[in-house]
Amino acid sequence: MEKLEMWDYICMGTMLLCLWMGTYGLKMCRDANKEGFDEKSLRNKIWGAGVAAALYLIIRFVS
């Protein structure tokens, strides 16, 4: 296995942050900002970032 690069750590951190935001962070944001909170938009951004990070890591380690 190759030595990990900076982008690998960034993507792993992004995936962990997305998992945390998807489970606990959205509830905390909703409770803190009840007016004007677009949960669907934020959820799509969170999971989009998670998918992009996962795809990067999959492509990086498969090739």
C-alpha atoms as a PDB file:
ATOM      1  CA  MET A   1       0.000   0.000   0.000  1.00  0.00           C
ATOM      2  CA  GLU A   2       1.230   3.446  -0.889  1.00  0.00           C
ATOM      3  CA  LYS A   3       1.951   6.178   1.578  1.00  0.00           C
ATOM      4  CA  LEU A   4      -1.152   8.284   2.205  1.00  0.00           C
ATOM      5  CA  GLU A   5      -1.203  11.779   0.747  1.00  0.00           C
ATOM      6  CA  MET A   6      -2.736  14.950   2.113  1.00  0.00           C
ATOM      7  CA  TRP A   7      -5.839  14.557  -0.089  1.00  0.00           C
ATOM      8  CA  ASP A   8      -6.466  11.090   1.340  1.00  0.00           C
ATOM      9  CA  TYR A   9      -6.634  12.526   4.847  1.00  0.00           C
ATOM     10  CA  ILE A  10      -8.861  15.385   3.679  1.00  0.00           C
ATOM     11  CA  CYS A  11     -11.291  12.933   2.060  1.00  0.00           C
ATOM     12  CA  MET A  12     -11.336  10.676   5.112  1.00  0.00           C
ATOM     13  CA  GLY A  13     -12.042  13.684   7.319  1.00  0.00           C
ATOM     14  CA  THR A  14     -14.779  14.822   4.947  1.00  0.00           C
ATOM     15  CA  MET A  15     -16.419  11.403   5.091  1.00  0.00           C
ATOM     16  CA  LEU A  16     -16.329  11.397   8.899  1.00  0.00           C
ATOM     17  CA  LEU A  17     -17.742  14.926   9.014  1.00  0.00           C
ATOM     18  CA  CYS A  18     -20.529  13.941   6.604  1.00  0.00           C
ATOM     19  CA  LEU A  19     -21.442  10.934   8.725  1.00  0.00           C
ATOM     20  CA  TRP A  20     -21.532  13.083  11.857  1.00  0.00           C
ATOM     21  CA  MET A  21     -23.558  15.832  10.149  1.00  0.00           C
ATOM     22  CA  GLY A  22     -25.969  13.281   8.729  1.00  0.00           C
ATOM     23  CA  THR A  23     -26.642  11.738  12.114  1.00  0.00           C
ATOM     24  CA  TYR A  24     -26.301  14.480  14.749  1.00  0.00           C
ATOM     25  CA  GLY A  25     -25.445  17.737  13.015  1.00  0.00           C
ATOM     26  CA  LEU A  26     -28.711  18.202  11.138  1.00  0.00           C
ATOM     27  CA  LYS A  27     -30.716  17.839  14.341  1.00  0.00           C
ATOM     28  CA  MET A  28     -28.485  20.379  16.089  1.00  0.00           C
ATOM     29  CA  CYS A  29     -28.824  22.841  13.186  1.00  0.00           C
ATOM     30  CA  ARG A  30     -32.592  22.374  13.084  1.00  0.00           C
ATOM     31  CA  ASP A  31     -32.893  22.995  16.841  1.00  0.00           C
ATOM     32  CA  ALA A  32     -30.643  26.065  16.718  1.00  0.00           C
ATOM     33  CA  ASN A  33     -32.277  27.699  13.690  1.00  0.00           C
ATOM     34  CA  LYS A  34     -35.962  26.856  13.483  1.00  0.00           C
ATOM     35  CA  GLU A  35     -36.783  29.674  11.065  1.00  0.00           C
ATOM     36  CA  GLY A  36     -35.356  29.635   7.570  1.00  0.00           C
ATOM     37  CA  PHE A  37     -33.642  26.273   7.853  1.00  0.00           C
ATOM     38  CA  ASP A  38     -33.674  24.310   4.585  1.00  0.00           C
ATOM     39  CA  GLU A  39     -32.950  20.787   5.801  1.00  0.00           C
ATOM     40  CA  LYS A  40     -33.372  19.122   2.412  1.00  0.00           C
ATOM     41  CA  SER A  41     -30.797  21.381   0.754  1.00  0.00           C
ATOM     42  CA  LEU A  42     -28.283  20.906   3.564  1.00  0.00           C
ATOM     43  CA  ARG A  43     -28.823  17.127   3.581  1.00  0.00           C
ATOM     44  CA  ASN A  44     -28.164  16.982  -0.187  1.00  0.00           C
ATOM     45  CA  LYS A  45     -24.937  18.972   0.215  1.00  0.00           C
ATOM     46  CA  ILE A  46     -23.761  16.751   3.067  1.00  0.00           C
ATOM     47  CA  TRP A  47     -24.358  13.489   1.227  1.00  0.00           C
ATOM     48  CA  GLY A  48     -22.978  14.916  -2.029  1.00  0.00           C
ATOM     49  CA  ALA A  49     -19.701  15.770  -0.304  1.00  0.00           C
ATOM     50  CA  GLY A  50     -19.618  12.318   1.288  1.00  0.00           C
ATOM     51  CA  VAL A  51     -20.173  10.564  -2.024  1.00  0.00           C
ATOM     52  CA  ALA A  52     -17.498  12.664  -3.736  1.00  0.00           C
ATOM     53  CA  ALA A  53     -14.985  11.843  -0.991  1.00  0.00           C
ATOM     54  CA  ALA A  54     -15.864   8.142  -1.095  1.00  0.00           C
ATOM     55  CA  LEU A  55     -15.507   8.027  -4.882  1.00  0.00           C
ATOM     56  CA  TYR A  56     -12.110   9.712  -4.676  1.00  0.00           C
ATOM     57  CA  LEU A  57     -10.884   7.177  -2.135  1.00  0.00           C
ATOM     58  CA  ILE A  58     -12.280   4.214  -4.085  1.00  0.00           C
ATOM     59  CA  ILE A  59     -10.688   5.348  -7.344  1.00  0.00           C
ATOM     60  CA  ARG A  60      -7.417   6.200  -5.579  1.00  0.00           C
ATOM     61  CA  PHE A  61      -6.996   2.811  -3.945  1.00  0.00           C
ATOM     62  CA  VAL A  62      -8.364   0.645  -6.784  1.00  0.00           C
ATOM     63  CA  SER A  63      -6.094   2.097  -9.461  1.00  0.00           C
END
